C-alpha cells in the first residue's frame, strides 16, 4: 500500500497542475473582459431628466438586446454638465465598447467626445442631431432635421394665431430655449423663420435649460411682463408643459407648442393642456440608431445622415399619430 501511494499522489498532482496551466481555454477570463466577438454598445445622453432621452434609451435597449448585444447607457446628473458627459465617453472607451452613440450636452462636449473615440479607434455615432461636428469622424448622424422641425412648429403657431385673430397671423409669442448650442439654435431658428412676413412678434426668448420647472418660471415672468401674450413655443416638450402649467395657475389662456412628442406630452395634448407638439418618435430613433450601428459593424455603408420622421400633432390628430 505504501509503494502505491507515492505514484498515485504524483499522478494526481500532475493532473491538477495541468489544469491550471496558463493559456488553457478553460481558464476564467479577466474581470470585465468581453467574450470574443461579443458586441457591446453604449448610449450616452445629456441626462435622463427629459422623457425624450428615456424613451430613446428604451428603444435602443430593446433593439440591442434583440440582437444579443451587451447594452448600457450613461449620462451626467444634469444637462449642463458637459465635463461629466465627456468623462462618460472616456469611461466607455476604457471598458472596450464596440460602439458609442451620443447626444451631446453641447457642441464642445461633442467635439471632445468624437476626438476621444477617434483616438481610441472606436466608431462613434450621433443621435438626435444631424448637424456635423467641425472636426473628427462621426460614422453617422441619426435624427431629424431640427431646423425643419422648428419651422413646422412655427407654421403651426401661424395657423393657430390666424384662427385666433380671424385669418390674420398676428399676436405676441415667446420662445423657451434649451441650453446654448446647436439644438436650441436650430429649433428656435426654424420657428422664427416660419413667422417671417407675418405680424407675429417674438417679444421674449430665454433659456429654461430644457426643464419643466424653469419653463414654468420663465413663463410666469413672461405673463407678468406681457399679460396679452398669445403663445409660447418650447424647444422641448418639458419646457412647453411648464409654460402650460404656469398659464393655468395664472388663469390665462395661452397657446403652447412643444417639441419631442413624448408620451406624457401627448397625453397633455389629448387632455387639451398642451396645444400641440412636434412628434419626433424617440423610441423609433433609438431602434434606428442600433440598426445603423449594426450595419456599420458588418462593414456596410451608412450615413453620413440617417433621417427620422417628424409630425406636428394637436388634439384633433393625436390619436391617429400614436397608433
C-alpha atoms as a PDB file:
ATOM      1  CA  UNK A   1       0.000   0.000   0.000  1.00  0.00           C
ATOM      2  CA  UNK A   2       2.842   2.390   0.827  1.00  0.00           C
ATOM      3  CA  UNK A   3       4.552   1.652  -2.518  1.00  0.00           C
ATOM      4  CA  UNK A   4       1.308   2.518  -4.416  1.00  0.00           C
ATOM      5  CA  UNK A   5       0.634   5.795  -2.594  1.00  0.00           C
ATOM      6  CA  UNK A   6       3.533   7.825  -3.984  1.00  0.00           C
ATOM      7  CA  UNK A   7       2.875   7.191  -7.728  1.00  0.00           C
ATOM      8  CA  UNK A   8      -0.844   7.818  -7.333  1.00  0.00           C
ATOM      9  CA  UNK A   9      -0.227  11.039  -5.445  1.00  0.00           C
ATOM     10  CA  UNK A  10       2.271  12.218  -8.042  1.00  0.00           C
ATOM     11  CA  UNK A  11      -0.205  11.430 -10.851  1.00  0.00           C
ATOM     12  CA  UNK A  12      -2.963  13.461  -9.145  1.00  0.00           C
ATOM     13  CA  UNK A  13      -0.640  16.421  -8.630  1.00  0.00           C
ATOM     14  CA  UNK A  14       0.356  16.342 -12.283  1.00  0.00           C
ATOM     15  CA  UNK A  15      -3.290  16.355 -13.380  1.00  0.00           C
ATOM     16  CA  UNK A  16      -4.088  19.315 -11.138  1.00  0.00           C
ATOM     17  CA  UNK A  17      -1.037  21.203 -12.350  1.00  0.00           C
ATOM     18  CA  UNK A  18      -2.024  20.581 -15.965  1.00  0.00           C
ATOM     19  CA  UNK A  19      -5.495  22.008 -15.331  1.00  0.00           C
ATOM     20  CA  UNK A  20      -4.042  25.249 -14.007  1.00  0.00           C
ATOM     21  CA  UNK A  21      -1.514  25.878 -16.751  1.00  0.00           C
ATOM     22  CA  UNK A  22      -1.781  29.352 -18.306  1.00  0.00           C
ATOM     23  CA  UNK A  23      -3.276  29.702 -21.770  1.00  0.00           C
ATOM     24  CA  UNK A  24      -5.804  26.886 -21.438  1.00  0.00           C
ATOM     25  CA  UNK A  25      -9.299  27.552 -22.811  1.00  0.00           C
ATOM     26  CA  UNK A  26     -10.867  26.512 -19.509  1.00  0.00           C
ATOM     27  CA  UNK A  27      -9.198  29.349 -17.594  1.00  0.00           C
ATOM     28  CA  UNK A  28     -11.549  32.138 -16.413  1.00  0.00           C
ATOM     29  CA  UNK A  29     -11.481  35.465 -18.275  1.00  0.00           C
ATOM     30  CA  UNK A  30     -10.134  38.577 -16.581  1.00  0.00           C
ATOM     31  CA  UNK A  31     -12.679  40.661 -14.679  1.00  0.00           C
ATOM     32  CA  UNK A  32     -14.776  42.744 -17.048  1.00  0.00           C
ATOM     33  CA  UNK A  33     -13.461  41.039 -20.178  1.00  0.00           C
ATOM     34  CA  UNK A  34     -15.928  40.553 -23.053  1.00  0.00           C
ATOM     35  CA  UNK A  35     -16.219  37.182 -24.829  1.00  0.00           C
ATOM     36  CA  UNK A  36     -14.621  37.267 -28.268  1.00  0.00           C
ATOM     37  CA  UNK A  37     -16.994  38.643 -30.876  1.00  0.00           C
ATOM     38  CA  UNK A  38     -19.489  39.994 -28.338  1.00  0.00           C
ATOM     39  CA  UNK A  39     -20.840  43.403 -29.392  1.00  0.00           C
ATOM     40  CA  UNK A  40     -21.179  45.989 -26.647  1.00  0.00           C
ATOM     41  CA  UNK A  41     -22.800  49.359 -27.308  1.00  0.00           C
ATOM     42  CA  UNK A  42     -23.331  52.337 -25.030  1.00  0.00           C
ATOM     43  CA  UNK A  43     -25.790  55.214 -25.318  1.00  0.00           C
ATOM     44  CA  UNK A  44     -24.550  58.460 -23.792  1.00  0.00           C
ATOM     45  CA  UNK A  45     -27.292  61.009 -23.140  1.00  0.00           C
ATOM     46  CA  UNK A  46     -27.105  64.596 -21.858  1.00  0.00           C
ATOM     47  CA  UNK A  47     -29.144  63.396 -18.833  1.00  0.00           C
ATOM     48  CA  UNK A  48     -32.330  61.418 -18.246  1.00  0.00           C
ATOM     49  CA  UNK A  49     -34.367  64.369 -16.955  1.00  0.00           C
ATOM     50  CA  UNK A  50     -36.114  64.547 -20.340  1.00  0.00           C
ATOM     51  CA  UNK A  51     -38.660  61.881 -21.230  1.00  0.00           C
ATOM     52  CA  UNK A  52     -37.252  62.066 -24.772  1.00  0.00           C
ATOM     53  CA  UNK A  53     -33.929  60.565 -23.641  1.00  0.00           C
ATOM     54  CA  UNK A  54     -35.675  57.959 -21.500  1.00  0.00           C
ATOM     55  CA  UNK A  55     -37.724  56.847 -24.499  1.00  0.00           C
ATOM     56  CA  UNK A  56     -34.688  56.846 -26.811  1.00  0.00           C
ATOM     57  CA  UNK A  57     -32.814  54.598 -24.381  1.00  0.00           C
ATOM     58  CA  UNK A  58     -35.773  52.192 -24.216  1.00  0.00           C
ATOM     59  CA  UNK A  59     -35.917  51.909 -27.995  1.00  0.00           C
ATOM     60  CA  UNK A  60     -32.155  51.413 -28.302  1.00  0.00           C
ATOM     61  CA  UNK A  61     -32.056  48.859 -25.483  1.00  0.00           C
ATOM     62  CA  UNK A  62     -34.875  46.780 -26.969  1.00  0.00           C
ATOM     63  CA  UNK A  63     -33.136  46.719 -30.358  1.00  0.00           C
ATOM     64  CA  UNK A  64     -29.698  45.909 -28.902  1.00  0.00           C
ATOM     65  CA  UNK A  65     -30.945  43.089 -26.680  1.00  0.00           C
ATOM     66  CA  UNK A  66     -32.920  41.609 -29.587  1.00  0.00           C
ATOM     67  CA  UNK A  67     -29.529  41.203 -31.284  1.00  0.00           C
ATOM     68  CA  UNK A  68     -27.939  39.630 -28.209  1.00  0.00           C
ATOM     69  CA  UNK A  69     -25.667  42.621 -27.622  1.00  0.00           C
ATOM     70  CA  UNK A  70     -24.386  43.993 -24.340  1.00  0.00           C
ATOM     71  CA  UNK A  71     -26.138  47.326 -23.786  1.00  0.00           C
ATOM     72  CA  UNK A  72     -25.548  50.140 -21.332  1.00  0.00           C
ATOM     73  CA  UNK A  73     -26.383  53.819 -21.041  1.00  0.00           C
ATOM     74  CA  UNK A  74     -24.524  56.579 -19.247  1.00  0.00           C
ATOM     75  CA  UNK A  75     -25.438  60.170 -18.560  1.00  0.00           C
ATOM     76  CA  UNK A  76     -24.337  63.059 -16.315  1.00  0.00           C
ATOM     77  CA  UNK A  77     -26.525  64.252 -13.451  1.00  0.00           C
ATOM     78  CA  UNK A  78     -27.796  67.272 -15.405  1.00  0.00           C
ATOM     79  CA  UNK A  79     -27.852  68.566 -18.957  1.00  0.00           C
ATOM     80  CA  UNK A  80     -25.400  71.357 -18.251  1.00  0.00           C
ATOM     81  CA  UNK A  81     -22.631  69.034 -17.006  1.00  0.00           C
ATOM     82  CA  UNK A  82     -20.565  68.753 -20.178  1.00  0.00           C
ATOM     83  CA  UNK A  83     -17.353  67.729 -18.398  1.00  0.00           C
ATOM     84  CA  UNK A  84     -19.018  64.690 -16.864  1.00  0.00           C
ATOM     85  CA  UNK A  85     -20.511  63.660 -20.209  1.00  0.00           C
ATOM     86  CA  UNK A  86     -17.055  63.673 -21.796  1.00  0.00           C
ATOM     87  CA  UNK A  87     -15.791  61.650 -18.816  1.00  0.00           C
ATOM     88  CA  UNK A  88     -18.528  59.074 -19.508  1.00  0.00           C
ATOM     89  CA  UNK A  89     -17.163  58.718 -23.046  1.00  0.00           C
ATOM     90  CA  UNK A  90     -13.679  58.102 -21.681  1.00  0.00           C
ATOM     91  CA  UNK A  91     -15.035  55.527 -19.216  1.00  0.00           C
ATOM     92  CA  UNK A  92     -16.778  53.692 -22.067  1.00  0.00           C
ATOM     93  CA  UNK A  93     -13.614  53.617 -24.170  1.00  0.00           C
ATOM     94  CA  UNK A  94     -11.628  52.199 -21.265  1.00  0.00           C
ATOM     95  CA  UNK A  95     -14.215  49.407 -20.906  1.00  0.00           C
ATOM     96  CA  UNK A  96     -13.587  48.453 -24.516  1.00  0.00           C
ATOM     97  CA  UNK A  97     -17.044  49.026 -26.001  1.00  0.00           C
ATOM     98  CA  UNK A  98     -17.678  48.214 -29.655  1.00  0.00           C
ATOM     99  CA  UNK A  99     -19.513  51.457 -30.479  1.00  0.00           C
ATOM    100  CA  UNK A 100     -20.872  54.632 -28.888  1.00  0.00           C
ATOM    101  CA  UNK A 101     -23.874  56.746 -29.799  1.00  0.00           C
ATOM    102  CA  UNK A 102     -24.107  60.145 -28.147  1.00  0.00           C
ATOM    103  CA  UNK A 103     -26.459  63.096 -27.890  1.00  0.00           C
ATOM    104  CA  UNK A 104     -24.112  65.762 -26.615  1.00  0.00           C
ATOM    105  CA  UNK A 105     -24.734  68.356 -23.908  1.00  0.00           C
ATOM    106  CA  UNK A 106     -23.239  70.993 -26.202  1.00  0.00           C
ATOM    107  CA  UNK A 107     -21.024  71.413 -29.256  1.00  0.00           C
ATOM    108  CA  UNK A 108     -17.786  71.483 -27.253  1.00  0.00           C
ATOM    109  CA  UNK A 109     -18.642  68.240 -25.454  1.00  0.00           C
ATOM    110  CA  UNK A 110     -19.473  66.590 -28.780  1.00  0.00           C
ATOM    111  CA  UNK A 111     -16.180  67.645 -30.357  1.00  0.00           C
ATOM    112  CA  UNK A 112     -14.218  66.273 -27.399  1.00  0.00           C
ATOM    113  CA  UNK A 113     -16.201  63.024 -27.396  1.00  0.00           C
ATOM    114  CA  UNK A 114     -15.605  62.438 -31.099  1.00  0.00           C
ATOM    115  CA  UNK A 115     -11.875  63.119 -30.749  1.00  0.00           C
ATOM    116  CA  UNK A 116     -11.517  60.661 -27.868  1.00  0.00           C
ATOM    117  CA  UNK A 117     -13.385  57.935 -29.756  1.00  0.00           C
ATOM    118  CA  UNK A 118     -11.376  58.561 -32.934  1.00  0.00           C
ATOM    119  CA  UNK A 119      -8.100  58.348 -30.988  1.00  0.00           C
ATOM    120  CA  UNK A 120      -9.223  55.027 -29.489  1.00  0.00           C
ATOM    121  CA  UNK A 121     -10.349  53.639 -32.855  1.00  0.00           C
ATOM    122  CA  UNK A 122     -13.934  53.122 -31.648  1.00  0.00           C
ATOM    123  CA  UNK A 123     -16.783  54.045 -34.028  1.00  0.00           C
ATOM    124  CA  UNK A 124     -18.909  56.873 -32.668  1.00  0.00           C
ATOM    125  CA  UNK A 125     -22.400  57.862 -33.801  1.00  0.00           C
ATOM    126  CA  UNK A 126     -24.524  60.910 -33.013  1.00  0.00           C
ATOM    127  CA  UNK A 127     -28.248  60.714 -32.346  1.00  0.00           C
ATOM    128  CA  UNK A 128     -30.933  63.398 -32.150  1.00  0.00           C
ATOM    129  CA  UNK A 129     -28.845  65.691 -34.345  1.00  0.00           C
ATOM    130  CA  UNK A 130     -27.731  65.774 -37.953  1.00  0.00           C
ATOM    131  CA  UNK A 131     -25.522  68.865 -37.613  1.00  0.00           C
ATOM    132  CA  UNK A 132     -21.917  67.858 -38.407  1.00  0.00           C
ATOM    133  CA  UNK A 133     -19.090  68.348 -35.943  1.00  0.00           C
ATOM    134  CA  UNK A 134     -16.411  70.788 -37.114  1.00  0.00           C
ATOM    135  CA  UNK A 135     -13.665  68.164 -36.838  1.00  0.00           C
ATOM    136  CA  UNK A 136     -13.264  64.440 -36.314  1.00  0.00           C
ATOM    137  CA  UNK A 137     -15.057  61.434 -37.780  1.00  0.00           C
ATOM    138  CA  UNK A 138     -18.651  60.560 -36.909  1.00  0.00           C
ATOM    139  CA  UNK A 139     -19.816  57.340 -38.598  1.00  0.00           C
ATOM    140  CA  UNK A 140     -23.413  58.540 -38.960  1.00  0.00           C
ATOM    141  CA  UNK A 141     -25.838  61.115 -37.596  1.00  0.00           C
ATOM    142  CA  UNK A 142     -29.256  59.661 -36.744  1.00  0.00           C
ATOM    143  CA  UNK A 143     -32.091  62.099 -36.179  1.00  0.00           C
ATOM    144  CA  UNK A 144     -34.496  64.563 -37.665  1.00  0.00           C
ATOM    145  CA  UNK A 145     -33.755  67.904 -39.284  1.00  0.00           C
ATOM    146  CA  UNK A 146     -34.116  70.226 -36.290  1.00  0.00           C
ATOM    147  CA  UNK A 147     -34.305  73.408 -38.348  1.00  0.00           C
ATOM    148  CA  UNK A 148     -37.200  71.952 -40.336  1.00  0.00           C
ATOM    149  CA  UNK A 149     -38.767  70.665 -37.122  1.00  0.00           C
ATOM    150  CA  UNK A 150     -38.665  74.109 -35.563  1.00  0.00           C
ATOM    151  CA  UNK A 151     -40.136  75.529 -38.739  1.00  0.00           C
ATOM    152  CA  UNK A 152     -43.046  73.071 -38.576  1.00  0.00           C
ATOM    153  CA  UNK A 153     -43.747  74.312 -35.052  1.00  0.00           C
ATOM    154  CA  UNK A 154     -43.634  77.901 -36.311  1.00  0.00           C
ATOM    155  CA  UNK A 155     -46.060  77.063 -39.099  1.00  0.00           C
ATOM    156  CA  UNK A 156     -48.398  75.582 -36.503  1.00  0.00           C
ATOM    157  CA  UNK A 157     -48.099  78.807 -34.488  1.00  0.00           C
ATOM    158  CA  UNK A 158     -49.069  80.839 -37.572  1.00  0.00           C
ATOM    159  CA  UNK A 159     -52.064  78.558 -38.147  1.00  0.00           C
ATOM    160  CA  UNK A 160     -53.216  78.880 -34.524  1.00  0.00           C
ATOM    161  CA  UNK A 161     -52.853  82.654 -34.430  1.00  0.00           C
ATOM    162  CA  UNK A 162     -54.642  83.076 -37.747  1.00  0.00           C
ATOM    163  CA  UNK A 163     -57.544  81.136 -36.262  1.00  0.00           C
ATOM    164  CA  UNK A 164     -57.464  83.286 -33.141  1.00  0.00           C
ATOM    165  CA  UNK A 165     -57.405  86.596 -34.997  1.00  0.00           C
ATOM    166  CA  UNK A 166     -59.860  85.921 -37.800  1.00  0.00           C
ATOM    167  CA  UNK A 167     -57.466  84.971 -40.568  1.00  0.00           C
ATOM    168  CA  UNK A 168     -54.653  87.421 -39.797  1.00  0.00           C
ATOM    169  CA  UNK A 169     -51.382  85.997 -38.478  1.00  0.00           C
ATOM    170  CA  UNK A 170     -50.628  88.389 -35.631  1.00  0.00           C
ATOM    171  CA  UNK A 171     -50.049  88.358 -31.899  1.00  0.00           C
ATOM    172  CA  UNK A 172     -47.257  88.048 -29.345  1.00  0.00           C
ATOM    173  CA  UNK A 173     -45.182  84.924 -28.795  1.00  0.00           C
ATOM    174  CA  UNK A 174     -42.297  83.898 -26.542  1.00  0.00           C
ATOM    175  CA  UNK A 175     -39.674  81.192 -27.009  1.00  0.00           C
ATOM    176  CA  UNK A 176     -38.309  78.937 -24.285  1.00  0.00           C
ATOM    177  CA  UNK A 177     -34.805  77.959 -25.356  1.00  0.00           C
ATOM    178  CA  UNK A 178     -32.768  74.991 -24.172  1.00  0.00           C
ATOM    179  CA  UNK A 179     -29.103  75.230 -23.235  1.00  0.00           C
ATOM    180  CA  UNK A 180     -26.894  77.121 -25.664  1.00  0.00           C
ATOM    181  CA  UNK A 181     -25.848  75.102 -28.694  1.00  0.00           C
ATOM    182  CA  UNK A 182     -26.931  73.560 -31.975  1.00  0.00           C
ATOM    183  CA  UNK A 183     -30.192  72.045 -30.686  1.00  0.00           C
ATOM    184  CA  UNK A 184     -31.520  75.398 -29.490  1.00  0.00           C
ATOM    185  CA  UNK A 185     -30.158  77.331 -32.468  1.00  0.00           C
ATOM    186  CA  UNK A 186     -31.760  75.003 -34.995  1.00  0.00           C
ATOM    187  CA  UNK A 187     -35.149  74.608 -33.304  1.00  0.00           C
ATOM    188  CA  UNK A 188     -35.609  78.253 -32.327  1.00  0.00           C
ATOM    189  CA  UNK A 189     -34.179  79.427 -35.665  1.00  0.00           C
ATOM    190  CA  UNK A 190     -36.590  77.260 -37.623  1.00  0.00           C
ATOM    191  CA  UNK A 191     -39.523  78.506 -35.558  1.00  0.00           C
ATOM    192  CA  UNK A 192     -38.595  82.151 -36.131  1.00  0.00           C
ATOM    193  CA  UNK A 193     -38.186  81.608 -39.886  1.00  0.00           C
ATOM    194  CA  UNK A 194     -41.819  80.465 -40.170  1.00  0.00           C
ATOM    195  CA  UNK A 195     -43.026  83.750 -38.648  1.00  0.00           C
ATOM    196  CA  UNK A 196     -41.289  85.924 -41.231  1.00  0.00           C
ATOM    197  CA  UNK A 197     -43.653  88.054 -43.287  1.00  0.00           C
ATOM    198  CA  UNK A 198     -46.403  87.927 -40.642  1.00  0.00           C
ATOM    199  CA  UNK A 199     -47.470  90.398 -37.963  1.00  0.00           C
ATOM    200  CA  UNK A 200     -46.454  87.980 -35.210  1.00  0.00           C
ATOM    201  CA  UNK A 201     -43.944  89.439 -32.747  1.00  0.00           C
ATOM    202  CA  UNK A 202     -41.417  87.428 -30.756  1.00  0.00           C
ATOM    203  CA  UNK A 203     -41.434  89.516 -27.577  1.00  0.00           C
ATOM    204  CA  UNK A 204     -39.186  87.293 -25.437  1.00  0.00           C
ATOM    205  CA  UNK A 205     -36.736  84.414 -25.847  1.00  0.00           C
ATOM    206  CA  UNK A 206     -34.993  82.922 -22.808  1.00  0.00           C
ATOM    207  CA  UNK A 207     -33.363  79.693 -21.767  1.00  0.00           C
ATOM    208  CA  UNK A 208     -35.185  77.286 -19.467  1.00  0.00           C
ATOM    209  CA  UNK A 209     -32.417  74.659 -19.769  1.00  0.00           C
ATOM    210  CA  UNK A 210     -34.801  72.002 -21.130  1.00  0.00           C
ATOM    211  CA  UNK A 211     -36.510  71.786 -17.718  1.00  0.00           C
ATOM    212  CA  UNK A 212     -40.225  71.863 -16.947  1.00  0.00           C
ATOM    213  CA  UNK A 213     -39.890  73.882 -13.747  1.00  0.00           C
ATOM    214  CA  UNK A 214     -37.730  76.518 -15.411  1.00  0.00           C
ATOM    215  CA  UNK A 215     -40.205  76.631 -18.296  1.00  0.00           C
ATOM    216  CA  UNK A 216     -42.961  77.387 -15.795  1.00  0.00           C
ATOM    217  CA  UNK A 217     -40.852  80.020 -14.020  1.00  0.00           C
ATOM    218  CA  UNK A 218     -39.852  81.813 -17.236  1.00  0.00           C
ATOM    219  CA  UNK A 219     -43.452  81.777 -18.498  1.00  0.00           C
ATOM    220  CA  UNK A 220     -44.712  83.284 -15.241  1.00  0.00           C
ATOM    221  CA  UNK A 221     -42.241  86.126 -15.821  1.00  0.00           C
ATOM    222  CA  UNK A 222     -43.356  86.479 -19.448  1.00  0.00           C
ATOM    223  CA  UNK A 223     -47.003  86.737 -18.422  1.00  0.00           C
ATOM    224  CA  UNK A 224     -46.262  89.430 -15.863  1.00  0.00           C
ATOM    225  CA  UNK A 225     -44.397  91.492 -18.441  1.00  0.00           C
ATOM    226  CA  UNK A 226     -46.696  90.686 -21.376  1.00  0.00           C
ATOM    227  CA  UNK A 227     -50.184  89.981 -19.993  1.00  0.00           C
ATOM    228  CA  UNK A 228     -51.512  89.804 -23.571  1.00  0.00           C
ATOM    229  CA  UNK A 229     -49.036  87.065 -24.569  1.00  0.00           C
ATOM    230  CA  UNK A 230     -50.688  84.694 -27.049  1.00  0.00           C
ATOM    231  CA  UNK A 231     -48.369  81.735 -27.457  1.00  0.00           C
ATOM    232  CA  UNK A 232     -45.243  80.100 -26.054  1.00  0.00           C
ATOM    233  CA  UNK A 233     -43.029  77.766 -28.069  1.00  0.00           C
ATOM    234  CA  UNK A 234     -40.816  75.444 -26.032  1.00  0.00           C
ATOM    235  CA  UNK A 235     -37.792  73.964 -27.776  1.00  0.00           C
ATOM    236  CA  UNK A 236     -38.654  70.809 -25.815  1.00  0.00           C
ATOM    237  CA  UNK A 237     -41.887  69.294 -24.541  1.00  0.00           C
ATOM    238  CA  UNK A 238     -40.896  69.676 -20.902  1.00  0.00           C
ATOM    239  CA  UNK A 239     -40.470  73.438 -21.184  1.00  0.00           C
ATOM    240  CA  UNK A 240     -43.740  73.820 -23.100  1.00  0.00           C
ATOM    241  CA  UNK A 241     -45.518  71.736 -20.463  1.00  0.00           C
ATOM    242  CA  UNK A 242     -44.096  74.073 -17.837  1.00  0.00           C
ATOM    243  CA  UNK A 243     -45.471  77.027 -19.815  1.00  0.00           C
ATOM    244  CA  UNK A 244     -48.925  75.441 -19.931  1.00  0.00           C
ATOM    245  CA  UNK A 245     -48.779  74.810 -16.199  1.00  0.00           C
ATOM    246  CA  UNK A 246     -47.802  78.429 -15.446  1.00  0.00           C
ATOM    247  CA  UNK A 247     -50.627  79.779 -17.624  1.00  0.00           C
ATOM    248  CA  UNK A 248     -53.158  77.540 -15.897  1.00  0.00           C
ATOM    249  CA  UNK A 249     -52.001  78.680 -12.473  1.00  0.00           C
ATOM    250  CA  UNK A 250     -52.245  82.321 -13.592  1.00  0.00           C
ATOM    251  CA  UNK A 251     -55.733  81.787 -15.004  1.00  0.00           C
ATOM    252  CA  UNK A 252     -54.544  82.744 -18.502  1.00  0.00           C
ATOM    253  CA  UNK A 253     -55.448  81.244 -21.857  1.00  0.00           C
ATOM    254  CA  UNK A 254     -52.160  80.580 -23.584  1.00  0.00           C
ATOM    255  CA  UNK A 255     -51.366  78.570 -26.690  1.00  0.00           C
ATOM    256  CA  UNK A 256     -48.409  76.247 -26.094  1.00  0.00           C
ATOM    257  CA  UNK A 257     -46.331  74.252 -28.579  1.00  0.00           C
ATOM    258  CA  UNK A 258     -43.660  71.742 -27.583  1.00  0.00           C
ATOM    259  CA  UNK A 259     -41.176  69.590 -29.435  1.00  0.00           C
ATOM    260  CA  UNK A 260     -40.379  65.883 -28.849  1.00  0.00           C
ATOM    261  CA  UNK A 261     -43.738  64.116 -28.784  1.00  0.00           C
ATOM    262  CA  UNK A 262     -43.028  62.319 -25.521  1.00  0.00           C
ATOM    263  CA  UNK A 263     -45.801  60.056 -24.146  1.00  0.00           C
ATOM    264  CA  UNK A 264     -46.608  62.405 -21.255  1.00  0.00           C
ATOM    265  CA  UNK A 265     -46.747  65.387 -23.628  1.00  0.00           C
ATOM    266  CA  UNK A 266     -49.054  63.521 -25.986  1.00  0.00           C
ATOM    267  CA  UNK A 267     -51.309  62.767 -23.021  1.00  0.00           C
ATOM    268  CA  UNK A 268     -51.346  66.502 -22.240  1.00  0.00           C
ATOM    269  CA  UNK A 269     -52.241  67.297 -25.866  1.00  0.00           C
ATOM    270  CA  UNK A 270     -55.089  64.812 -25.685  1.00  0.00           C
ATOM    271  CA  UNK A 271     -56.397  66.455 -22.488  1.00  0.00           C
ATOM    272  CA  UNK A 272     -56.050  69.919 -24.012  1.00  0.00           C
ATOM    273  CA  UNK A 273     -53.404  71.067 -21.532  1.00  0.00           C
ATOM    274  CA  UNK A 274     -50.731  71.362 -24.245  1.00  0.00           C
ATOM    275  CA  UNK A 275     -51.887  72.812 -27.568  1.00  0.00           C
ATOM    276  CA  UNK A 276     -49.552  70.925 -29.893  1.00  0.00           C
ATOM    277  CA  UNK A 277     -46.193  69.198 -30.160  1.00  0.00           C
ATOM    278  CA  UNK A 278     -43.785  68.009 -32.822  1.00  0.00           C
ATOM    279  CA  UNK A 279     -43.572  64.227 -32.503  1.00  0.00           C
ATOM    280  CA  UNK A 280     -40.056  63.002 -33.269  1.00  0.00           C
ATOM    281  CA  UNK A 281     -40.625  59.332 -32.321  1.00  0.00           C
ATOM    282  CA  UNK A 282     -37.723  58.874 -29.849  1.00  0.00           C
ATOM    283  CA  UNK A 283     -38.177  55.093 -29.440  1.00  0.00           C
ATOM    284  CA  UNK A 284     -38.015  54.589 -33.190  1.00  0.00           C
ATOM    285  CA  UNK A 285     -34.934  56.815 -33.283  1.00  0.00           C
ATOM    286  CA  UNK A 286     -33.297  54.609 -30.642  1.00  0.00           C
ATOM    287  CA  UNK A 287     -34.016  51.488 -32.689  1.00  0.00           C
ATOM    288  CA  UNK A 288     -32.781  53.180 -35.875  1.00  0.00           C
ATOM    289  CA  UNK A 289     -29.504  54.077 -34.157  1.00  0.00           C
ATOM    290  CA  UNK A 290     -28.894  50.427 -33.262  1.00  0.00           C
ATOM    291  CA  UNK A 291     -29.757  49.355 -36.826  1.00  0.00           C
ATOM    292  CA  UNK A 292     -27.239  51.886 -38.142  1.00  0.00           C
ATOM    293  CA  UNK A 293     -24.513  50.720 -35.738  1.00  0.00           C
ATOM    294  CA  UNK A 294     -25.141  47.103 -36.749  1.00  0.00           C
ATOM    295  CA  UNK A 295     -24.791  47.940 -40.444  1.00  0.00           C
ATOM    296  CA  UNK A 296     -21.504  49.742 -39.821  1.00  0.00           C
ATOM    297  CA  UNK A 297     -20.074  46.901 -37.719  1.00  0.00           C
ATOM    298  CA  UNK A 298     -20.955  44.495 -40.547  1.00  0.00           C
ATOM    299  CA  UNK A 299     -18.927  46.625 -42.949  1.00  0.00           C
ATOM    300  CA  UNK A 300     -21.893  48.117 -44.770  1.00  0.00           C
ATOM    301  CA  UNK A 301     -22.008  51.743 -45.925  1.00  0.00           C
ATOM    302  CA  UNK A 302     -24.006  54.005 -43.586  1.00  0.00           C
ATOM    303  CA  UNK A 303     -24.852  57.682 -43.308  1.00  0.00           C
ATOM    304  CA  UNK A 304     -23.490  60.154 -43.115  1.00  0.00           C
ATOM    305  CA  UNK A 305     -27.067  61.232 -42.268  1.00  0.00           C
ATOM    306  CA  UNK A 306     -29.915  58.889 -41.377  1.00  0.00           C
ATOM    307  CA  UNK A 307     -33.095  60.960 -41.162  1.00  0.00           C
ATOM    308  CA  UNK A 308     -36.046  60.078 -38.955  1.00  0.00           C
ATOM    309  CA  UNK A 309     -39.649  61.240 -39.215  1.00  0.00           C
ATOM    310  CA  UNK A 310     -41.494  64.097 -37.503  1.00  0.00           C
ATOM    311  CA  UNK A 311     -45.144  65.126 -37.287  1.00  0.00           C
ATOM    312  CA  UNK A 312     -46.963  68.037 -35.650  1.00  0.00           C
ATOM    313  CA  UNK A 313     -49.994  66.853 -33.681  1.00  0.00           C
ATOM    314  CA  UNK A 314     -52.778  68.649 -31.830  1.00  0.00           C
ATOM    315  CA  UNK A 315     -55.871  67.439 -30.009  1.00  0.00           C
ATOM    316  CA  UNK A 316     -57.628  66.558 -33.271  1.00  0.00           C
ATOM    317  CA  UNK A 317     -54.785  64.391 -34.613  1.00  0.00           C
ATOM    318  CA  UNK A 318     -53.043  62.965 -31.544  1.00  0.00           C
ATOM    319  CA  UNK A 319     -54.939  59.659 -31.510  1.00  0.00           C
ATOM    320  CA  UNK A 320     -54.081  58.861 -35.127  1.00  0.00           C
ATOM    321  CA  UNK A 321     -50.426  59.808 -34.612  1.00  0.00           C
ATOM    322  CA  UNK A 322     -49.952  57.479 -31.645  1.00  0.00           C
ATOM    323  CA  UNK A 323     -51.471  54.326 -33.157  1.00  0.00           C
END
